[in-house]
Amino acid sequence: MNEMRNNIRLSGEFAVRRIFFGSSSWLVCLWTAAAQDGVVAPEPVVADTTSLLEVYTQGGWMMHILLLCSIATIAVIVYCFLQITQKKMCPAGINDTLLRNMQSQDVSNAYALCEENPNAFTRVVSSALLKVNFERDRANKESMDQAAADTLDQEEVRQMLWINYLNVFATVAPMVGLLGTVTGMMTSFNDLKGGAMEVKDFSGGIGEAMATTAGGLIVGIPAMFFYFFFRNKLMGIMTEVQKRATRLIDVLSGEVQLADTSTAPSSASSKGMSES
C-alpha cells in the first residue's frame, strides 16, 4: 500500500516537472522570438566620400573668385621667393670690387661695374656716383647721400608693390568667403520660407556657406603669413644695402680710411733694405 502511494507521488512530481520545464522552454522561445522581432538592426555607417571637386561645386560661383585669388597668391609667393633674396638684391662679391674702386677713387670703373650688374645695391651706388664732385667738400658727400637714399626708397617701394598684393589677397579672400556665407544662409532661409522642413532641404545653402568660408580662410591665412614674412625679409635686405652703400660713400669721400694691406708688406721690406 505504501509502495503504491510512493509510486503515485513520484508520478505526480514527474508530471509537474515536465509541465514546468516545458512551459519554461516555450516562454524562452517566445521571449527570444519577440526580442528578435523588436530589435531594429543598426543602419550601416556610410563613409563620407565627398571630393574636393564636389565641395568646390557646392560653394557656388564665389569659389571661382577664390580660385583666382589662390592662383594669384601662389604666383606672387613664387616671385618673392625668387627675387627678394640677398643674393639677387645685394650680392657680396661686387661689394668688394666696388670698395677697392672707391678706395682708389676710380669712379668710372665703379659706375661701369654697377651698370653691368643691375640690382638694388648697384642702382643705389650708381645714383650716388652720379653726384660725385671732387672739387667740392668731401666729394659732394651730402648730394651722394641724398641720391642714394632716394634710390633706396624707390627700390623698396618697387619690391613692396608685389608684397602688398599678398596683403590684398589676405584681406579680400576671407571677405569673399564671408559673402558666400551670407548668400548661402539667405538661400537656406528662403527654402525655409517656402515650406521646406527636411534637413536635406537646407543642405544646399548651408553647404555653400561652409565651403566659401573654408575657401576664403584657406587662401587668406597663407597670404597673410607670407606677407609678413617677405616684408620683414625685404626690410632686412634693404638695411644691408643701405649699410654697404653708406660705407662705400664714406670711403670715396675720405671720411673712412681703409688700411692698404697690399702695400704694407712691400713698404716694410723696402724700409728694412734702406736701413741696411
C-alpha atoms as a PDB file:
ATOM      1  CA  MET A   1       0.000   0.000   0.000  1.00  0.00           C
ATOM      2  CA  ASN A   2       2.793   2.310   0.950  1.00  0.00           C
ATOM      3  CA  GLU A   3       4.685   1.404  -2.188  1.00  0.00           C
ATOM      4  CA  MET A   4       1.659   2.278  -4.290  1.00  0.00           C
ATOM      5  CA  ARG A   5       1.381   5.679  -2.606  1.00  0.00           C
ATOM      6  CA  ASN A   6       5.024   6.395  -3.225  1.00  0.00           C
ATOM      7  CA  ASN A   7       4.681   5.461  -6.881  1.00  0.00           C
ATOM      8  CA  ILE A   8       1.673   7.760  -7.262  1.00  0.00           C
ATOM      9  CA  ARG A   9       3.537  10.651  -5.544  1.00  0.00           C
ATOM     10  CA  LEU A  10       6.606  10.181  -7.745  1.00  0.00           C
ATOM     11  CA  SER A  11       4.468  10.080 -10.854  1.00  0.00           C
ATOM     12  CA  GLY A  12       2.769  13.350  -9.890  1.00  0.00           C
ATOM     13  CA  GLU A  13       6.049  15.119  -9.198  1.00  0.00           C
ATOM     14  CA  PHE A  14       7.422  13.928 -12.528  1.00  0.00           C
ATOM     15  CA  ALA A  15       4.361  15.257 -14.354  1.00  0.00           C
ATOM     16  CA  VAL A  16       4.596  18.617 -12.593  1.00  0.00           C
ATOM     17  CA  ARG A  17       8.275  18.920 -13.519  1.00  0.00           C
ATOM     18  CA  ARG A  18       7.543  18.109 -17.171  1.00  0.00           C
ATOM     19  CA  ILE A  19       4.831  20.758 -17.272  1.00  0.00           C
ATOM     20  CA  PHE A  20       7.101  23.363 -15.585  1.00  0.00           C
ATOM     21  CA  PHE A  21      10.136  22.781 -17.793  1.00  0.00           C
ATOM     22  CA  GLY A  22       8.005  22.518 -20.901  1.00  0.00           C
ATOM     23  CA  SER A  23       6.239  25.792 -20.211  1.00  0.00           C
ATOM     24  CA  SER A  24       9.567  27.459 -19.380  1.00  0.00           C
ATOM     25  CA  SER A  25      11.007  26.315 -22.696  1.00  0.00           C
ATOM     26  CA  TRP A  26       8.036  27.736 -24.516  1.00  0.00           C
ATOM     27  CA  LEU A  27       8.358  31.041 -22.644  1.00  0.00           C
ATOM     28  CA  VAL A  28      12.047  31.256 -23.520  1.00  0.00           C
ATOM     29  CA  CYS A  29      11.287  30.594 -27.182  1.00  0.00           C
ATOM     30  CA  LEU A  30       8.504  33.160 -27.220  1.00  0.00           C
ATOM     31  CA  TRP A  31      10.691  35.777 -25.484  1.00  0.00           C
ATOM     32  CA  THR A  32      13.546  35.162 -27.937  1.00  0.00           C
ATOM     33  CA  ALA A  33      11.235  35.484 -30.924  1.00  0.00           C
ATOM     34  CA  ALA A  34       9.702  38.655 -29.519  1.00  0.00           C
ATOM     35  CA  ALA A  35      13.134  40.095 -28.845  1.00  0.00           C
ATOM     36  CA  GLN A  36      14.253  39.289 -32.366  1.00  0.00           C
ATOM     37  CA  ASP A  37      11.137  40.910 -33.788  1.00  0.00           C
ATOM     38  CA  GLY A  38      11.562  44.020 -31.647  1.00  0.00           C
ATOM     39  CA  VAL A  39      15.269  44.638 -32.287  1.00  0.00           C
ATOM     40  CA  VAL A  40      15.924  47.129 -35.075  1.00  0.00           C
ATOM     41  CA  ALA A  41      19.115  46.386 -36.973  1.00  0.00           C
ATOM     42  CA  PRO A  42      21.504  49.396 -36.909  1.00  0.00           C
ATOM     43  CA  GLU A  43      21.906  51.237 -40.142  1.00  0.00           C
ATOM     44  CA  PRO A  44      25.271  50.693 -41.806  1.00  0.00           C
ATOM     45  CA  VAL A  45      27.710  53.576 -41.399  1.00  0.00           C
ATOM     46  CA  VAL A  46      28.340  55.230 -44.720  1.00  0.00           C
ATOM     47  CA  ALA A  47      31.782  56.810 -45.091  1.00  0.00           C
ATOM     48  CA  ASP A  48      31.934  60.384 -46.347  1.00  0.00           C
ATOM     49  CA  THR A  49      33.309  60.229 -49.881  1.00  0.00           C
ATOM     50  CA  THR A  50      32.846  63.896 -50.784  1.00  0.00           C
ATOM     51  CA  SER A  51      35.615  65.006 -53.127  1.00  0.00           C
ATOM     52  CA  LEU A  52      37.237  68.429 -53.356  1.00  0.00           C
ATOM     53  CA  LEU A  53      35.572  68.984 -56.711  1.00  0.00           C
ATOM     54  CA  GLU A  54      32.162  68.389 -55.145  1.00  0.00           C
ATOM     55  CA  VAL A  55      32.963  70.845 -52.354  1.00  0.00           C
ATOM     56  CA  TYR A  56      34.119  73.370 -54.955  1.00  0.00           C
ATOM     57  CA  THR A  57      30.893  72.919 -56.927  1.00  0.00           C
ATOM     58  CA  GLN A  58      28.820  73.172 -53.765  1.00  0.00           C
ATOM     59  CA  GLY A  59      30.361  76.551 -52.952  1.00  0.00           C
ATOM     60  CA  GLY A  60      28.779  78.202 -55.972  1.00  0.00           C
ATOM     61  CA  TRP A  61      30.148  80.980 -58.140  1.00  0.00           C
ATOM     62  CA  MET A  62      32.054  82.527 -55.219  1.00  0.00           C
ATOM     63  CA  MET A  63      34.547  79.667 -55.455  1.00  0.00           C
ATOM     64  CA  HIS A  64      35.663  80.899 -58.892  1.00  0.00           C
ATOM     65  CA  ILE A  65      36.791  84.193 -57.345  1.00  0.00           C
ATOM     66  CA  LEU A  66      38.581  82.338 -54.550  1.00  0.00           C
ATOM     67  CA  LEU A  67      40.298  80.121 -57.125  1.00  0.00           C
ATOM     68  CA  LEU A  68      41.637  83.182 -58.961  1.00  0.00           C
ATOM     69  CA  CYS A  69      42.834  84.643 -55.652  1.00  0.00           C
ATOM     70  CA  SER A  70      44.632  81.410 -54.790  1.00  0.00           C
ATOM     71  CA  ILE A  71      46.383  81.242 -58.180  1.00  0.00           C
ATOM     72  CA  ALA A  72      47.479  84.876 -57.918  1.00  0.00           C
ATOM     73  CA  THR A  73      48.689  84.325 -54.335  1.00  0.00           C
ATOM     74  CA  ILE A  74      50.824  81.367 -55.361  1.00  0.00           C
ATOM     75  CA  ALA A  75      52.294  83.327 -58.285  1.00  0.00           C
ATOM     76  CA  VAL A  76      53.270  86.264 -56.052  1.00  0.00           C
ATOM     77  CA  ILE A  77      54.786  83.943 -53.432  1.00  0.00           C
ATOM     78  CA  VAL A  78      56.921  82.211 -56.063  1.00  0.00           C
ATOM     79  CA  TYR A  79      58.058  85.586 -57.449  1.00  0.00           C
ATOM     80  CA  CYS A  80      59.033  86.839 -53.999  1.00  0.00           C
ATOM     81  CA  PHE A  81      60.951  83.660 -53.230  1.00  0.00           C
ATOM     82  CA  LEU A  82      62.954  84.113 -56.440  1.00  0.00           C
ATOM     83  CA  GLN A  83      63.522  87.874 -56.356  1.00  0.00           C
ATOM     84  CA  ILE A  84      63.595  89.008 -52.741  1.00  0.00           C
ATOM     85  CA  THR A  85      66.884  87.427 -51.754  1.00  0.00           C
ATOM     86  CA  GLN A  86      70.175  88.945 -50.656  1.00  0.00           C
ATOM     87  CA  LYS A  87      71.972  87.140 -53.465  1.00  0.00           C
ATOM     88  CA  LYS A  88      69.742  88.888 -56.024  1.00  0.00           C
ATOM     89  CA  MET A  89      69.479  92.315 -54.427  1.00  0.00           C
ATOM     90  CA  CYS A  90      72.785  92.711 -52.609  1.00  0.00           C
ATOM     91  CA  PRO A  91      75.486  90.268 -53.770  1.00  0.00           C
ATOM     92  CA  ALA A  92      78.609  90.171 -51.650  1.00  0.00           C
ATOM     93  CA  GLY A  93      81.169  89.715 -54.427  1.00  0.00           C
ATOM     94  CA  ILE A  94      80.536  93.009 -56.183  1.00  0.00           C
ATOM     95  CA  ASN A  95      80.771  94.912 -52.907  1.00  0.00           C
ATOM     96  CA  ASP A  96      84.481  94.026 -52.524  1.00  0.00           C
ATOM     97  CA  THR A  97      85.281  95.206 -56.055  1.00  0.00           C
ATOM     98  CA  LEU A  98      83.424  98.479 -55.560  1.00  0.00           C
ATOM     99  CA  LEU A  99      85.211  99.012 -52.273  1.00  0.00           C
ATOM    100  CA  ARG A 100      88.594  98.828 -53.994  1.00  0.00           C
ATOM    101  CA  ASN A 101      87.412 101.252 -56.670  1.00  0.00           C
ATOM    102  CA  MET A 102      86.173 103.680 -54.049  1.00  0.00           C
ATOM    103  CA  GLN A 103      89.440 103.480 -52.154  1.00  0.00           C
ATOM    104  CA  SER A 104      91.350 104.414 -55.296  1.00  0.00           C
ATOM    105  CA  GLN A 105      88.636 106.945 -56.277  1.00  0.00           C
ATOM    106  CA  ASP A 106      88.127 105.157 -59.585  1.00  0.00           C
ATOM    107  CA  VAL A 107      84.611 106.424 -60.178  1.00  0.00           C
ATOM    108  CA  SER A 108      84.419 105.498 -63.879  1.00  0.00           C
ATOM    109  CA  ASN A 109      85.171 101.803 -63.354  1.00  0.00           C
ATOM    110  CA  ALA A 110      82.860 101.700 -60.325  1.00  0.00           C
ATOM    111  CA  TYR A 111      79.977 103.189 -62.312  1.00  0.00           C
ATOM    112  CA  ALA A 112      80.606 100.824 -65.250  1.00  0.00           C
ATOM    113  CA  LEU A 113      80.596  97.864 -62.890  1.00  0.00           C
ATOM    114  CA  CYS A 114      77.261  98.972 -61.448  1.00  0.00           C
ATOM    115  CA  GLU A 115      75.760  99.300 -64.921  1.00  0.00           C
ATOM    116  CA  GLU A 116      76.977  95.816 -65.895  1.00  0.00           C
ATOM    117  CA  ASN A 117      75.443  94.214 -62.790  1.00  0.00           C
ATOM    118  CA  PRO A 118      71.994  95.751 -62.282  1.00  0.00           C
ATOM    119  CA  ASN A 119      70.434  95.056 -58.896  1.00  0.00           C
ATOM    120  CA  ALA A 120      69.103  97.049 -55.966  1.00  0.00           C
ATOM    121  CA  PHE A 121      72.556  97.587 -54.446  1.00  0.00           C
ATOM    122  CA  THR A 122      74.294  98.702 -57.652  1.00  0.00           C
ATOM    123  CA  ARG A 123      71.425 101.038 -58.575  1.00  0.00           C
ATOM    124  CA  VAL A 124      71.750 102.766 -55.211  1.00  0.00           C
ATOM    125  CA  VAL A 125      75.526 103.098 -55.592  1.00  0.00           C
ATOM    126  CA  SER A 126      75.374 104.268 -59.214  1.00  0.00           C
ATOM    127  CA  SER A 127      72.892 107.018 -58.342  1.00  0.00           C
ATOM    128  CA  ALA A 128      75.344 108.251 -55.703  1.00  0.00           C
ATOM    129  CA  LEU A 129      78.277 108.124 -58.129  1.00  0.00           C
ATOM    130  CA  LEU A 130      76.463 110.487 -60.485  1.00  0.00           C
ATOM    131  CA  LYS A 131      76.703 113.166 -57.800  1.00  0.00           C
ATOM    132  CA  VAL A 132      80.475 112.848 -57.254  1.00  0.00           C
ATOM    133  CA  ASN A 133      82.357 116.142 -57.484  1.00  0.00           C
ATOM    134  CA  PHE A 134      85.909 116.131 -56.145  1.00  0.00           C
ATOM    135  CA  GLU A 135      86.103 119.912 -56.400  1.00  0.00           C
ATOM    136  CA  ARG A 136      83.592 120.272 -53.599  1.00  0.00           C
ATOM    137  CA  ASP A 137      83.987 119.412 -49.936  1.00  0.00           C
ATOM    138  CA  ARG A 138      84.244 115.632 -49.317  1.00  0.00           C
ATOM    139  CA  ALA A 139      83.474 114.944 -52.982  1.00  0.00           C
ATOM    140  CA  ASN A 140      79.950 116.343 -52.612  1.00  0.00           C
ATOM    141  CA  LYS A 141      79.043 113.717 -49.994  1.00  0.00           C
ATOM    142  CA  GLU A 142      75.723 115.312 -48.981  1.00  0.00           C
ATOM    143  CA  SER A 143      74.356 115.048 -52.510  1.00  0.00           C
ATOM    144  CA  MET A 144      75.596 111.460 -52.803  1.00  0.00           C
ATOM    145  CA  ASP A 145      73.862 110.508 -49.567  1.00  0.00           C
ATOM    146  CA  GLN A 146      70.613 112.119 -50.698  1.00  0.00           C
ATOM    147  CA  ALA A 147      70.703 110.426 -54.112  1.00  0.00           C
ATOM    148  CA  ALA A 148      71.427 107.039 -52.523  1.00  0.00           C
ATOM    149  CA  ALA A 149      68.588 107.475 -50.019  1.00  0.00           C
ATOM    150  CA  ASP A 150      66.089 108.397 -52.762  1.00  0.00           C
ATOM    151  CA  THR A 151      67.060 105.398 -54.883  1.00  0.00           C
ATOM    152  CA  LEU A 152      66.906 103.133 -51.832  1.00  0.00           C
ATOM    153  CA  ASP A 153      63.322 104.240 -51.188  1.00  0.00           C
ATOM    154  CA  GLN A 154      62.436 103.615 -54.821  1.00  0.00           C
ATOM    155  CA  GLU A 155      63.865 100.090 -54.710  1.00  0.00           C
ATOM    156  CA  GLU A 156      61.974  99.292 -51.531  1.00  0.00           C
ATOM    157  CA  VAL A 157      58.708 100.616 -52.953  1.00  0.00           C
ATOM    158  CA  ARG A 158      59.237  98.614 -56.159  1.00  0.00           C
ATOM    159  CA  GLN A 159      59.541  95.343 -54.242  1.00  0.00           C
ATOM    160  CA  MET A 160      56.853  96.215 -51.690  1.00  0.00           C
ATOM    161  CA  LEU A 161      54.433  96.612 -54.586  1.00  0.00           C
ATOM    162  CA  TRP A 162      54.499  92.836 -55.048  1.00  0.00           C
ATOM    163  CA  ILE A 163      54.473  92.058 -51.345  1.00  0.00           C
ATOM    164  CA  ASN A 164      51.418  94.273 -50.836  1.00  0.00           C
ATOM    165  CA  TYR A 165      49.487  92.086 -53.258  1.00  0.00           C
ATOM    166  CA  LEU A 166      49.707  89.337 -50.643  1.00  0.00           C
ATOM    167  CA  ASN A 167      48.105  91.699 -48.149  1.00  0.00           C
ATOM    168  CA  VAL A 168      45.340  92.407 -50.659  1.00  0.00           C
ATOM    169  CA  PHE A 169      44.596  88.709 -51.179  1.00  0.00           C
ATOM    170  CA  ALA A 170      44.773  88.065 -47.423  1.00  0.00           C
ATOM    171  CA  THR A 171      42.054  90.686 -46.953  1.00  0.00           C
ATOM    172  CA  VAL A 172      39.858  90.039 -49.986  1.00  0.00           C
ATOM    173  CA  ALA A 173      39.688  86.218 -49.832  1.00  0.00           C
ATOM    174  CA  PRO A 174      38.055  85.984 -46.358  1.00  0.00           C
ATOM    175  CA  MET A 175      35.654  88.778 -47.338  1.00  0.00           C
ATOM    176  CA  VAL A 176      34.594  86.830 -50.429  1.00  0.00           C
ATOM    177  CA  GLY A 177      34.170  83.754 -48.232  1.00  0.00           C
ATOM    178  CA  LEU A 178      32.025  85.778 -45.829  1.00  0.00           C
ATOM    179  CA  LEU A 179      29.896  86.982 -48.721  1.00  0.00           C
ATOM    180  CA  GLY A 180      29.401  83.367 -49.771  1.00  0.00           C
ATOM    181  CA  THR A 181      28.370  82.546 -46.201  1.00  0.00           C
ATOM    182  CA  VAL A 182      25.721  85.264 -46.273  1.00  0.00           C
ATOM    183  CA  THR A 183      24.327  84.197 -49.644  1.00  0.00           C
ATOM    184  CA  GLY A 184      24.261  80.545 -48.534  1.00  0.00           C
ATOM    185  CA  MET A 185      22.310  81.364 -45.379  1.00  0.00           C
ATOM    186  CA  MET A 186      19.930  83.521 -47.411  1.00  0.00           C
ATOM    187  CA  THR A 187      19.302  80.526 -49.661  1.00  0.00           C
ATOM    188  CA  SER A 188      18.547  78.324 -46.651  1.00  0.00           C
ATOM    189  CA  PHE A 189      16.123  80.873 -45.170  1.00  0.00           C
ATOM    190  CA  ASN A 190      14.354  81.208 -48.496  1.00  0.00           C
ATOM    191  CA  ASP A 191      13.914  77.423 -48.568  1.00  0.00           C
ATOM    192  CA  LEU A 192      12.509  77.552 -45.037  1.00  0.00           C
ATOM    193  CA  LYS A 193      10.160  80.319 -46.060  1.00  0.00           C
ATOM    194  CA  GLY A 194       8.970  78.184 -48.960  1.00  0.00           C
ATOM    195  CA  GLY A 195       7.857  75.420 -46.581  1.00  0.00           C
ATOM    196  CA  ALA A 196      10.887  73.158 -46.544  1.00  0.00           C
ATOM    197  CA  MET A 197      11.039  71.123 -43.345  1.00  0.00           C
ATOM    198  CA  GLU A 198      13.573  68.373 -44.005  1.00  0.00           C
ATOM    199  CA  VAL A 199      17.264  68.723 -43.206  1.00  0.00           C
ATOM    200  CA  LYS A 200      18.232  67.842 -46.763  1.00  0.00           C
ATOM    201  CA  ASP A 201      16.248  70.833 -47.988  1.00  0.00           C
ATOM    202  CA  PHE A 202      18.700  73.197 -46.273  1.00  0.00           C
ATOM    203  CA  SER A 203      21.866  71.322 -47.142  1.00  0.00           C
ATOM    204  CA  GLY A 204      22.481  73.280 -50.343  1.00  0.00           C
ATOM    205  CA  GLY A 205      22.594  76.715 -48.729  1.00  0.00           C
ATOM    206  CA  ILE A 206      24.485  75.554 -45.649  1.00  0.00           C
ATOM    207  CA  GLY A 207      26.980  73.687 -47.815  1.00  0.00           C
ATOM    208  CA  GLU A 208      27.578  76.823 -49.876  1.00  0.00           C
ATOM    209  CA  ALA A 209      28.126  78.865 -46.719  1.00  0.00           C
ATOM    210  CA  MET A 210      30.627  76.417 -45.232  1.00  0.00           C
ATOM    211  CA  ALA A 211      32.517  75.834 -48.491  1.00  0.00           C
ATOM    212  CA  THR A 212      33.040  79.522 -49.227  1.00  0.00           C
ATOM    213  CA  THR A 213      34.050  80.271 -45.630  1.00  0.00           C
ATOM    214  CA  ALA A 214      36.643  77.496 -45.659  1.00  0.00           C
ATOM    215  CA  GLY A 215      37.888  78.535 -49.107  1.00  0.00           C
ATOM    216  CA  GLY A 216      38.377  82.140 -48.041  1.00  0.00           C
ATOM    217  CA  LEU A 217      40.361  81.134 -44.966  1.00  0.00           C
ATOM    218  CA  ILE A 218      42.474  78.635 -46.906  1.00  0.00           C
ATOM    219  CA  VAL A 219      43.560  81.434 -49.244  1.00  0.00           C
ATOM    220  CA  GLY A 220      43.744  84.242 -46.678  1.00  0.00           C
ATOM    221  CA  ILE A 221      45.806  82.611 -43.923  1.00  0.00           C
ATOM    222  CA  PRO A 222      48.857  81.660 -46.068  1.00  0.00           C
ATOM    223  CA  ALA A 223      48.698  85.011 -47.873  1.00  0.00           C
ATOM    224  CA  MET A 224      48.827  86.888 -44.567  1.00  0.00           C
ATOM    225  CA  PHE A 225      51.708  84.728 -43.294  1.00  0.00           C
ATOM    226  CA  PHE A 226      53.851  85.254 -46.393  1.00  0.00           C
ATOM    227  CA  TYR A 227      53.034  88.969 -46.439  1.00  0.00           C
ATOM    228  CA  PHE A 228      54.712  89.490 -43.054  1.00  0.00           C
ATOM    229  CA  PHE A 229      57.465  87.012 -43.924  1.00  0.00           C
ATOM    230  CA  PHE A 230      58.551  88.767 -47.121  1.00  0.00           C
ATOM    231  CA  ARG A 231      58.043  92.253 -45.688  1.00  0.00           C
ATOM    232  CA  ASN A 232      60.426  91.551 -42.819  1.00  0.00           C
ATOM    233  CA  LYS A 233      62.856  89.853 -45.184  1.00  0.00           C
ATOM    234  CA  LEU A 234      62.853  92.861 -47.524  1.00  0.00           C
ATOM    235  CA  MET A 235      63.435  95.245 -44.621  1.00  0.00           C
ATOM    236  CA  GLY A 236      66.485  93.251 -43.584  1.00  0.00           C
ATOM    237  CA  ILE A 237      67.910  93.216 -47.124  1.00  0.00           C
ATOM    238  CA  MET A 238      67.350  96.938 -47.637  1.00  0.00           C
ATOM    239  CA  THR A 239      69.049  97.665 -44.316  1.00  0.00           C
ATOM    240  CA  GLU A 240      72.086  95.735 -45.543  1.00  0.00           C
ATOM    241  CA  VAL A 241      72.035  97.637 -48.854  1.00  0.00           C
ATOM    242  CA  GLN A 242      71.948 100.952 -47.023  1.00  0.00           C
ATOM    243  CA  LYS A 243      74.820  99.926 -44.742  1.00  0.00           C
ATOM    244  CA  ARG A 244      77.061  98.849 -47.623  1.00  0.00           C
ATOM    245  CA  ALA A 245      76.245 101.871 -49.779  1.00  0.00           C
ATOM    246  CA  THR A 246      76.940 104.257 -46.906  1.00  0.00           C
ATOM    247  CA  ARG A 247      80.307 102.620 -46.281  1.00  0.00           C
ATOM    248  CA  LEU A 248      81.278 102.968 -49.962  1.00  0.00           C
ATOM    249  CA  ILE A 249      80.312 106.655 -49.958  1.00  0.00           C
ATOM    250  CA  ASP A 250      82.278 107.262 -46.766  1.00  0.00           C
ATOM    251  CA  VAL A 251      85.366 105.633 -48.282  1.00  0.00           C
ATOM    252  CA  LEU A 252      85.035 107.649 -51.508  1.00  0.00           C
ATOM    253  CA  SER A 253      84.570 110.923 -49.650  1.00  0.00           C
ATOM    254  CA  GLY A 254      87.593 110.272 -47.450  1.00  0.00           C
ATOM    255  CA  GLU A 255      85.703 110.087 -44.153  1.00  0.00           C
ATOM    256  CA  VAL A 256      86.782 106.453 -43.725  1.00  0.00           C
ATOM    257  CA  GLN A 257      90.343 105.402 -44.390  1.00  0.00           C
ATOM    258  CA  LEU A 258      90.960 101.726 -45.092  1.00  0.00           C
ATOM    259  CA  ALA A 259      94.276 100.051 -44.363  1.00  0.00           C
ATOM    260  CA  ASP A 260      96.066  99.186 -47.615  1.00  0.00           C
ATOM    261  CA  THR A 261      97.096  95.630 -46.784  1.00  0.00           C
ATOM    262  CA  SER A 262      98.548  95.012 -50.245  1.00  0.00           C
ATOM    263  CA  THR A 263     101.175  97.761 -49.963  1.00  0.00           C
ATOM    264  CA  ALA A 264     102.019  97.373 -46.262  1.00  0.00           C
ATOM    265  CA  PRO A 265     104.444  94.406 -46.587  1.00  0.00           C
ATOM    266  CA  SER A 266     106.297  95.911 -49.562  1.00  0.00           C
ATOM    267  CA  SER A 267     106.793  99.248 -47.795  1.00  0.00           C
ATOM    268  CA  ALA A 268     108.057  97.493 -44.672  1.00  0.00           C
ATOM    269  CA  SER A 269     110.566  95.448 -46.686  1.00  0.00           C
ATOM    270  CA  SER A 270     111.799  98.490 -48.561  1.00  0.00           C
ATOM    271  CA  LYS A 271     112.313 100.294 -45.253  1.00  0.00           C
ATOM    272  CA  GLY A 272     114.401  97.407 -43.974  1.00  0.00           C
ATOM    273  CA  MET A 273     116.558  97.419 -47.092  1.00  0.00           C
ATOM    274  CA  SER A 274     117.174 101.135 -46.803  1.00  0.00           C
ATOM    275  CA  GLU A 275     118.253 100.781 -43.171  1.00  0.00           C
ATOM    276  CA  SER A 276     120.733  98.083 -44.122  1.00  0.00           C
END
